[in-house]
PDB file of N, CA and C in Angstrom:
ATOM      1  N   UNK A   1       0.869  -1.326  -0.219  1.00  0.00           N
ATOM      2  CA  UNK A   1       0.126   0.166   0.024  1.00  0.00           C
ATOM      3  C   UNK A   1       0.790   1.123  -0.057  1.00  0.00           C
ATOM      4  N   UNK A   2       2.029   1.759   0.782  1.00  0.00           N
ATOM      5  CA  UNK A   2       3.001   2.843   0.369  1.00  0.00           C
ATOM      6  C   UNK A   2       3.600   2.683  -0.445  1.00  0.00           C
ATOM      7  N   UNK A   3       3.278   1.553  -1.107  1.00  0.00           N
ATOM      8  CA  UNK A   3       4.117   1.670  -2.159  1.00  0.00           C
ATOM      9  C   UNK A   3       2.881   2.228  -3.989  1.00  0.00           C
ATOM     10  N   UNK A   4       2.313   1.248  -3.360  1.00  0.00           N
ATOM     11  CA  UNK A   4       1.222   2.172  -4.458  1.00  0.00           C
ATOM     12  C   UNK A   4       0.688   3.093  -3.990  1.00  0.00           C
ATOM     13  N   UNK A   5       0.776   3.783  -2.702  1.00  0.00           N
ATOM     14  CA  UNK A   5       0.568   5.136  -2.596  1.00  0.00           C
ATOM     15  C   UNK A   5       2.284   7.058  -3.060  1.00  0.00           C
ATOM     16  N   UNK A   6       3.178   6.015  -2.608  1.00  0.00           N
ATOM     17  CA  UNK A   6       4.652   6.627  -3.461  1.00  0.00           C
ATOM     18  C   UNK A   6       4.327   6.431  -4.868  1.00  0.00           C
ATOM     19  N   UNK A   7       4.239   5.661  -5.502  1.00  0.00           N
ATOM     20  CA  UNK A   7       4.823   5.754  -6.787  1.00  0.00           C
ATOM     21  C   UNK A   7       3.286   6.512  -7.590  1.00  0.00           C
ATOM     22  N   UNK A   8       2.141   6.218  -6.988  1.00  0.00           N
ATOM     23  CA  UNK A   8       0.921   7.107  -7.482  1.00  0.00           C
ATOM     24  C   UNK A   8       1.578   8.874  -7.144  1.00  0.00           C
ATOM     25  N   UNK A   9       2.361   9.075  -5.866  1.00  0.00           N
ATOM     26  CA  UNK A   9       2.286  10.513  -5.921  1.00  0.00           C
ATOM     27  C   UNK A   9       3.644  11.336  -6.671  1.00  0.00           C
ATOM     28  N   UNK A  10       4.067  10.376  -7.985  1.00  0.00           N
ATOM     29  CA  UNK A  10       5.436  10.609  -8.699  1.00  0.00           C
ATOM     30  C   UNK A  10       4.647  11.024  -9.677  1.00  0.00           C
ATOM     31  N   UNK A  11       3.011  10.941  -9.660  1.00  0.00           N
ATOM     32  CA  UNK A  11       2.612  10.780 -11.020  1.00  0.00           C
ATOM     33  C   UNK A  11       1.735  12.396 -11.294  1.00  0.00           C
ATOM     34  N   UNK A  12       2.268  13.580 -11.795  1.00  0.00           N
ATOM     35  CA  UNK A  12       1.458  14.604 -11.311  1.00  0.00           C
ATOM     36  C   UNK A  12       1.057  14.719 -13.295  1.00  0.00           C
ATOM     37  N   UNK A  13       1.394  14.236 -14.471  1.00  0.00           N
ATOM     38  CA  UNK A  13       0.759  14.457 -15.737  1.00  0.00           C
ATOM     39  C   UNK A  13       1.440  13.307 -16.376  1.00  0.00           C
ATOM     40  N   UNK A  14       0.601  12.575 -17.336  1.00  0.00           N
ATOM     41  CA  UNK A  14       0.264  11.581 -17.959  1.00  0.00           C
ATOM     42  C   UNK A  14       2.555  11.249 -18.273  1.00  0.00           C
ATOM     43  N   UNK A  15       3.112  12.181 -18.391  1.00  0.00           N
ATOM     44  CA  UNK A  15       4.432  11.683 -19.472  1.00  0.00           C
ATOM     45  C   UNK A  15       5.115  11.526 -18.145  1.00  0.00           C
ATOM     46  N   UNK A  16       4.447  11.155 -16.912  1.00  0.00           N
ATOM     47  CA  UNK A  16       5.223  10.919 -15.399  1.00  0.00           C
ATOM     48  C   UNK A  16       5.080   8.802 -15.557  1.00  0.00           C
ATOM     49  N   UNK A  17       4.734   8.292 -16.436  1.00  0.00           N
ATOM     50  CA  UNK A  17       3.736   7.235 -15.990  1.00  0.00           C
ATOM     51  C   UNK A  17       5.180   5.801 -15.931  1.00  0.00           C
ATOM     52  N   UNK A  18       5.824   5.908 -16.793  1.00  0.00           N
ATOM     53  CA  UNK A  18       7.215   5.346 -17.118  1.00  0.00           C
ATOM     54  C   UNK A  18       7.939   5.668 -15.946  1.00  0.00           C
ATOM     55  N   UNK A  19       8.059   6.264 -15.667  1.00  0.00           N
ATOM     56  CA  UNK A  19       8.700   6.968 -14.151  1.00  0.00           C
ATOM     57  C   UNK A  19       8.085   6.618 -13.312  1.00  0.00           C
ATOM     58  N   UNK A  20       7.156   6.208 -12.514  1.00  0.00           N
ATOM     59  CA  UNK A  20       6.263   5.782 -12.185  1.00  0.00           C
ATOM     60  C   UNK A  20       6.347   4.764 -11.622  1.00  0.00           C
ATOM     61  N   UNK A  21       6.382   3.914 -12.500  1.00  0.00           N
ATOM     62  CA  UNK A  21       6.962   2.002 -12.971  1.00  0.00           C
ATOM     63  C   UNK A  21       7.977   1.961 -12.540  1.00  0.00           C
ATOM     64  N   UNK A  22       8.996   2.274 -12.642  1.00  0.00           N
ATOM     65  CA  UNK A  22      10.555   2.580 -12.671  1.00  0.00           C
ATOM     66  C   UNK A  22      10.404   2.816 -10.975  1.00  0.00           C
ATOM     67  N   UNK A  23      10.157   3.961 -10.692  1.00  0.00           N
ATOM     68  CA  UNK A  23      10.430   3.877  -9.664  1.00  0.00           C
ATOM     69  C   UNK A  23       9.192   2.905  -8.795  1.00  0.00           C
ATOM     70  N   UNK A  24       7.948   2.269  -8.960  1.00  0.00           N
ATOM     71  CA  UNK A  24       7.466   1.178  -8.256  1.00  0.00           C
ATOM     72  C   UNK A  24       8.573  -0.244  -8.082  1.00  0.00           C
ATOM     73  N   UNK A  25       9.143  -0.487  -9.780  1.00  0.00           N
ATOM     74  CA  UNK A  25      10.119  -1.899  -9.601  1.00  0.00           C
ATOM     75  C   UNK A  25      11.202  -1.456  -8.907  1.00  0.00           C
ATOM     76  N   UNK A  26      11.218  -0.380  -8.485  1.00  0.00           N
ATOM     77  CA  UNK A  26      12.840  -0.151  -7.819  1.00  0.00           C
ATOM     78  C   UNK A  26      12.763  -0.433  -5.876  1.00  0.00           C
ATOM     79  N   UNK A  27      11.654  -0.896  -5.312  1.00  0.00           N
ATOM     80  CA  UNK A  27      11.365  -1.664  -4.633  1.00  0.00           C
ATOM     81  C   UNK A  27      11.708  -2.455  -3.911  1.00  0.00           C
ATOM     82  N   UNK A  28      12.384  -3.105  -3.624  1.00  0.00           N
ATOM     83  CA  UNK A  28      12.387  -4.642  -3.191  1.00  0.00           C
ATOM     84  C   UNK A  28      10.616  -5.579  -2.947  1.00  0.00           C
ATOM     85  N   UNK A  29      11.293  -6.621  -3.735  1.00  0.00           N
ATOM     86  CA  UNK A  29       9.552  -7.135  -3.373  1.00  0.00           C
ATOM     87  C   UNK A  29       8.214  -6.442  -4.427  1.00  0.00           C
ATOM     88  N   UNK A  30       8.509  -5.259  -4.780  1.00  0.00           N
ATOM     89  CA  UNK A  30       7.547  -5.480  -6.519  1.00  0.00           C
ATOM     90  C   UNK A  30       8.377  -6.018  -7.514  1.00  0.00           C
ATOM     91  N   UNK A  31       6.899  -7.224  -7.551  1.00  0.00           N
ATOM     92  CA  UNK A  31       7.498  -8.273  -8.890  1.00  0.00           C
ATOM     93  C   UNK A  31       6.032  -7.455 -10.000  1.00  0.00           C
ATOM     94  N   UNK A  32       5.951  -6.239 -10.293  1.00  0.00           N
ATOM     95  CA  UNK A  32       5.384  -5.726 -11.620  1.00  0.00           C
ATOM     96  C   UNK A  32       4.294  -4.290 -10.513  1.00  0.00           C
ATOM     97  N   UNK A  33       4.982  -3.567 -11.321  1.00  0.00           N
ATOM     98  CA  UNK A  33       3.613  -2.381 -11.991  1.00  0.00           C
ATOM     99  C   UNK A  33       3.076  -1.788 -12.672  1.00  0.00           C
ATOM    100  N   UNK A  34       1.347  -1.035 -12.734  1.00  0.00           N
ATOM    101  CA  UNK A  34       1.150  -0.256 -13.780  1.00  0.00           C
ATOM    102  C   UNK A  34       0.123   0.762 -13.485  1.00  0.00           C
ATOM    103  N   UNK A  35       0.459   1.436 -13.872  1.00  0.00           N
ATOM    104  CA  UNK A  35      -0.196   3.393 -13.861  1.00  0.00           C
ATOM    105  C   UNK A  35      -0.271   3.772 -15.235  1.00  0.00           C
ATOM    106  N   UNK A  36      -1.448   4.491 -14.852  1.00  0.00           N
ATOM    107  CA  UNK A  36      -2.233   4.800 -15.788  1.00  0.00           C
ATOM    108  C   UNK A  36      -2.283   6.113 -15.586  1.00  0.00           C
ATOM    109  N   UNK A  37      -2.652   6.917 -16.811  1.00  0.00           N
ATOM    110  CA  UNK A  37      -2.973   8.234 -15.752  1.00  0.00           C
ATOM    111  C   UNK A  37      -3.678   8.985 -17.409  1.00  0.00           C
ATOM    112  N   UNK A  38      -4.506   9.571 -17.700  1.00  0.00           N
ATOM    113  CA  UNK A  38      -5.634   9.638 -18.789  1.00  0.00           C
ATOM    114  C   UNK A  38      -5.403   8.734 -19.205  1.00  0.00           C
ATOM    115  N   UNK A  39      -4.827   9.416 -20.564  1.00  0.00           N
ATOM    116  CA  UNK A  39      -5.288   7.778 -21.946  1.00  0.00           C
ATOM    117  C   UNK A  39      -3.887   6.804 -21.826  1.00  0.00           C
ATOM    118  N   UNK A  40      -2.278   7.504 -20.872  1.00  0.00           N
ATOM    119  CA  UNK A  40      -1.653   6.222 -21.258  1.00  0.00           C
ATOM    120  C   UNK A  40      -1.295   5.411 -20.290  1.00  0.00           C
ATOM    121  N   UNK A  41      -0.665   4.367 -20.515  1.00  0.00           N
ATOM    122  CA  UNK A  41      -0.709   3.465 -19.739  1.00  0.00           C
ATOM    123  C   UNK A  41       1.067   2.703 -19.348  1.00  0.00           C
ATOM    124  N   UNK A  42       1.610   2.448 -18.332  1.00  0.00           N
ATOM    125  CA  UNK A  42       2.749   2.070 -18.248  1.00  0.00           C
ATOM    126  C   UNK A  42       2.913   0.379 -17.498  1.00  0.00           C
ATOM    127  N   UNK A  43       2.836  -0.229 -17.532  1.00  0.00           N
ATOM    128  CA  UNK A  43       3.501  -1.707 -17.626  1.00  0.00           C
ATOM    129  C   UNK A  43       4.669  -2.083 -17.516  1.00  0.00           C
ATOM    130  N   UNK A  44       4.762  -2.496 -16.566  1.00  0.00           N
ATOM    131  CA  UNK A  44       6.085  -3.250 -16.460  1.00  0.00           C
ATOM    132  C   UNK A  44       6.494  -4.612 -15.447  1.00  0.00           C
ATOM    133  N   UNK A  45       6.750  -5.885 -15.214  1.00  0.00           N
ATOM    134  CA  UNK A  45       6.557  -6.864 -14.124  1.00  0.00           C
ATOM    135  C   UNK A  45       5.999  -8.301 -14.213  1.00  0.00           C
ATOM    136  N   UNK A  46       5.871  -9.158 -13.871  1.00  0.00           N
ATOM    137  CA  UNK A  46       5.038  -9.447 -13.549  1.00  0.00           C
ATOM    138  C   UNK A  46       3.166  -8.834 -13.846  1.00  0.00           C
ATOM    139  N   UNK A  47       2.920  -9.118 -14.651  1.00  0.00           N
ATOM    140  CA  UNK A  47       1.858  -8.475 -14.833  1.00  0.00           C
ATOM    141  C   UNK A  47       1.387  -9.298 -16.266  1.00  0.00           C
ATOM    142  N   UNK A  48       0.144  -9.713 -16.206  1.00  0.00           N
ATOM    143  CA  UNK A  48      -0.839 -10.502 -16.785  1.00  0.00           C
ATOM    144  C   UNK A  48      -1.789  -9.390 -17.745  1.00  0.00           C
ATOM    145  N   UNK A  49      -1.777  -8.755 -18.947  1.00  0.00           N
ATOM    146  CA  UNK A  49      -3.068  -8.188 -18.960  1.00  0.00           C
ATOM    147  C   UNK A  49      -4.152  -8.996 -19.746  1.00  0.00           C
ATOM    148  N   UNK A  50      -5.654  -9.078 -19.442  1.00  0.00           N
ATOM    149  CA  UNK A  50      -6.440 -10.153 -20.378  1.00  0.00           C
ATOM    150  C   UNK A  50      -7.295  -9.301 -20.847  1.00  0.00           C
ATOM    151  N   UNK A  51      -7.475  -9.062 -21.273  1.00  0.00           N
ATOM    152  CA  UNK A  51      -8.693  -9.082 -22.600  1.00  0.00           C
ATOM    153  C   UNK A  51     -10.120  -9.303 -21.953  1.00  0.00           C
ATOM    154  N   UNK A  52     -10.804  -8.089 -21.975  1.00  0.00           N
ATOM    155  CA  UNK A  52     -12.417  -7.483 -21.283  1.00  0.00           C
ATOM    156  C   UNK A  52     -14.003  -7.778 -22.221  1.00  0.00           C
ATOM    157  N   UNK A  53     -14.519  -8.292 -21.752  1.00  0.00           N
ATOM    158  CA  UNK A  53     -15.690  -7.808 -22.605  1.00  0.00           C
ATOM    159  C   UNK A  53     -16.828  -7.166 -21.444  1.00  0.00           C
ATOM    160  N   UNK A  54     -16.821  -6.444 -22.091  1.00  0.00           N
ATOM    161  CA  UNK A  54     -18.242  -6.149 -20.799  1.00  0.00           C
ATOM    162  C   UNK A  54     -17.584  -6.395 -18.707  1.00  0.00           C
ATOM    163  N   UNK A  55     -16.268  -6.441 -18.996  1.00  0.00           N
ATOM    164  CA  UNK A  55     -16.298  -6.479 -17.652  1.00  0.00           C
ATOM    165  C   UNK A  55     -15.678  -7.887 -17.510  1.00  0.00           C
ATOM    166  N   UNK A  56     -16.394  -8.454 -18.588  1.00  0.00           N
ATOM    167  CA  UNK A  56     -16.185 -10.807 -18.040  1.00  0.00           C
ATOM    168  C   UNK A  56     -14.626 -11.260 -19.060  1.00  0.00           C
ATOM    169  N   UNK A  57     -13.980 -11.238 -18.245  1.00  0.00           N
ATOM    170  CA  UNK A  57     -12.265 -11.886 -18.866  1.00  0.00           C
ATOM    171  C   UNK A  57     -13.667 -13.905 -20.073  1.00  0.00           C
ATOM    172  N   UNK A  58     -13.495 -13.314 -21.139  1.00  0.00           N
ATOM    173  CA  UNK A  58     -13.612 -14.229 -22.496  1.00  0.00           C
ATOM    174  C   UNK A  58     -12.754 -15.197 -22.261  1.00  0.00           C
ATOM    175  N   UNK A  59     -12.406 -15.946 -21.487  1.00  0.00           N
ATOM    176  CA  UNK A  59     -11.193 -16.801 -21.904  1.00  0.00           C
ATOM    177  C   UNK A  59     -11.801 -18.069 -21.377  1.00  0.00           C
ATOM    178  N   UNK A  60     -10.774 -18.780 -20.406  1.00  0.00           N
ATOM    179  CA  UNK A  60     -11.355 -20.803 -19.727  1.00  0.00           C
ATOM    180  C   UNK A  60     -13.137 -20.379 -19.396  1.00  0.00           C
ATOM    181  N   UNK A  61     -12.912 -19.539 -18.706  1.00  0.00           N
ATOM    182  CA  UNK A  61     -14.822 -19.978 -17.893  1.00  0.00           C
ATOM    183  C   UNK A  61     -15.764 -18.398 -18.323  1.00  0.00           C
ATOM    184  N   UNK A  62     -15.994 -18.021 -19.467  1.00  0.00           N
ATOM    185  CA  UNK A  62     -16.503 -16.839 -20.354  1.00  0.00           C
ATOM    186  C   UNK A  62     -18.053 -16.122 -19.581  1.00  0.00           C
ATOM    187  N   UNK A  63     -18.444 -17.333 -18.128  1.00  0.00           N
ATOM    188  CA  UNK A  63     -19.177 -16.604 -17.947  1.00  0.00           C
ATOM    189  C   UNK A  63     -18.517 -16.213 -16.269  1.00  0.00           C
ATOM    190  N   UNK A  64     -17.302 -16.421 -15.709  1.00  0.00           N
ATOM    191  CA  UNK A  64     -17.230 -15.740 -14.538  1.00  0.00           C
ATOM    192  C   UNK A  64     -16.480 -14.404 -14.321  1.00  0.00           C
ATOM    193  N   UNK A  65     -17.180 -13.506 -14.004  1.00  0.00           N
ATOM    194  CA  UNK A  65     -16.196 -11.769 -14.345  1.00  0.00           C
ATOM    195  C   UNK A  65     -15.304 -12.165 -13.136  1.00  0.00           C
ATOM    196  N   UNK A  66     -13.927 -11.556 -13.568  1.00  0.00           N
ATOM    197  CA  UNK A  66     -12.879 -11.611 -12.985  1.00  0.00           C
ATOM    198  C   UNK A  66     -12.054 -11.289 -12.195  1.00  0.00           C
ATOM    199  N   UNK A  67     -13.495  -9.745 -11.353  1.00  0.00           N
ATOM    200  CA  UNK A  67     -13.568  -9.226 -10.728  1.00  0.00           C
ATOM    201  C   UNK A  67     -14.876 -10.174  -9.063  1.00  0.00           C
ATOM    202  N   UNK A  68     -13.828 -10.232  -8.265  1.00  0.00           N
ATOM    203  CA  UNK A  68     -13.968 -11.154  -6.841  1.00  0.00           C
ATOM    204  C   UNK A  68     -14.882 -10.475  -6.454  1.00  0.00           C
ATOM    205  N   UNK A  69     -15.929 -11.266  -5.960  1.00  0.00           N
ATOM    206  CA  UNK A  69     -17.371 -10.375  -5.366  1.00  0.00           C
ATOM    207  C   UNK A  69     -18.167  -9.598  -6.234  1.00  0.00           C
ATOM    208  N   UNK A  70     -17.742  -9.656  -7.513  1.00  0.00           N
ATOM    209  CA  UNK A  70     -19.001  -8.700  -8.252  1.00  0.00           C
ATOM    210  C   UNK A  70     -19.088  -9.167  -9.464  1.00  0.00           C
ATOM    211  N   UNK A  71     -19.492 -11.548  -9.257  1.00  0.00           N
ATOM    212  CA  UNK A  71     -20.021 -11.912  -9.879  1.00  0.00           C
ATOM    213  C   UNK A  71     -21.128 -11.473 -10.627  1.00  0.00           C
ATOM    214  N   UNK A  72     -21.572 -12.082 -12.585  1.00  0.00           N
ATOM    215  CA  UNK A  72     -22.828 -11.767 -13.199  1.00  0.00           C
ATOM    216  C   UNK A  72     -24.058 -12.275 -12.804  1.00  0.00           C
ATOM    217  N   UNK A  73     -25.205 -11.794 -12.957  1.00  0.00           N
ATOM    218  CA  UNK A  73     -25.942 -12.705 -12.162  1.00  0.00           C
ATOM    219  C   UNK A  73     -26.276 -14.188 -13.073  1.00  0.00           C
ATOM    220  N   UNK A  74     -27.072 -14.980 -12.347  1.00  0.00           N
ATOM    221  CA  UNK A  74     -26.995 -16.018 -13.411  1.00  0.00           C
ATOM    222  C   UNK A  74     -27.991 -16.554 -13.631  1.00  0.00           C
ATOM    223  N   UNK A  75     -28.287 -16.329 -15.078  1.00  0.00           N
ATOM    224  CA  UNK A  75     -29.566 -16.821 -15.730  1.00  0.00           C
ATOM    225  C   UNK A  75     -30.604 -17.675 -15.084  1.00  0.00           C
ATOM    226  N   UNK A  76     -31.599 -16.967 -14.915  1.00  0.00           N
ATOM    227  CA  UNK A  76     -32.692 -18.385 -14.312  1.00  0.00           C
ATOM    228  C   UNK A  76     -33.582 -18.387 -12.631  1.00  0.00           C
TER     229      UNK A  76
END
């Protein structure tokens, strides 16, 4: 949580996203970082980006929402 806060504090405008990711990864124990500001995204490390369709991952379990605690309503 402290690394996330410190990383967010590195971002003043969208040009700062890469610098912020590099900062986060410089902290021992951090395996990956993702920073978004406006239309810019920087991601490095052990993070897997998954395609979503309407908030649902259409992969192995297409009916399962990847966000825990927010599963789609079952039909019937």
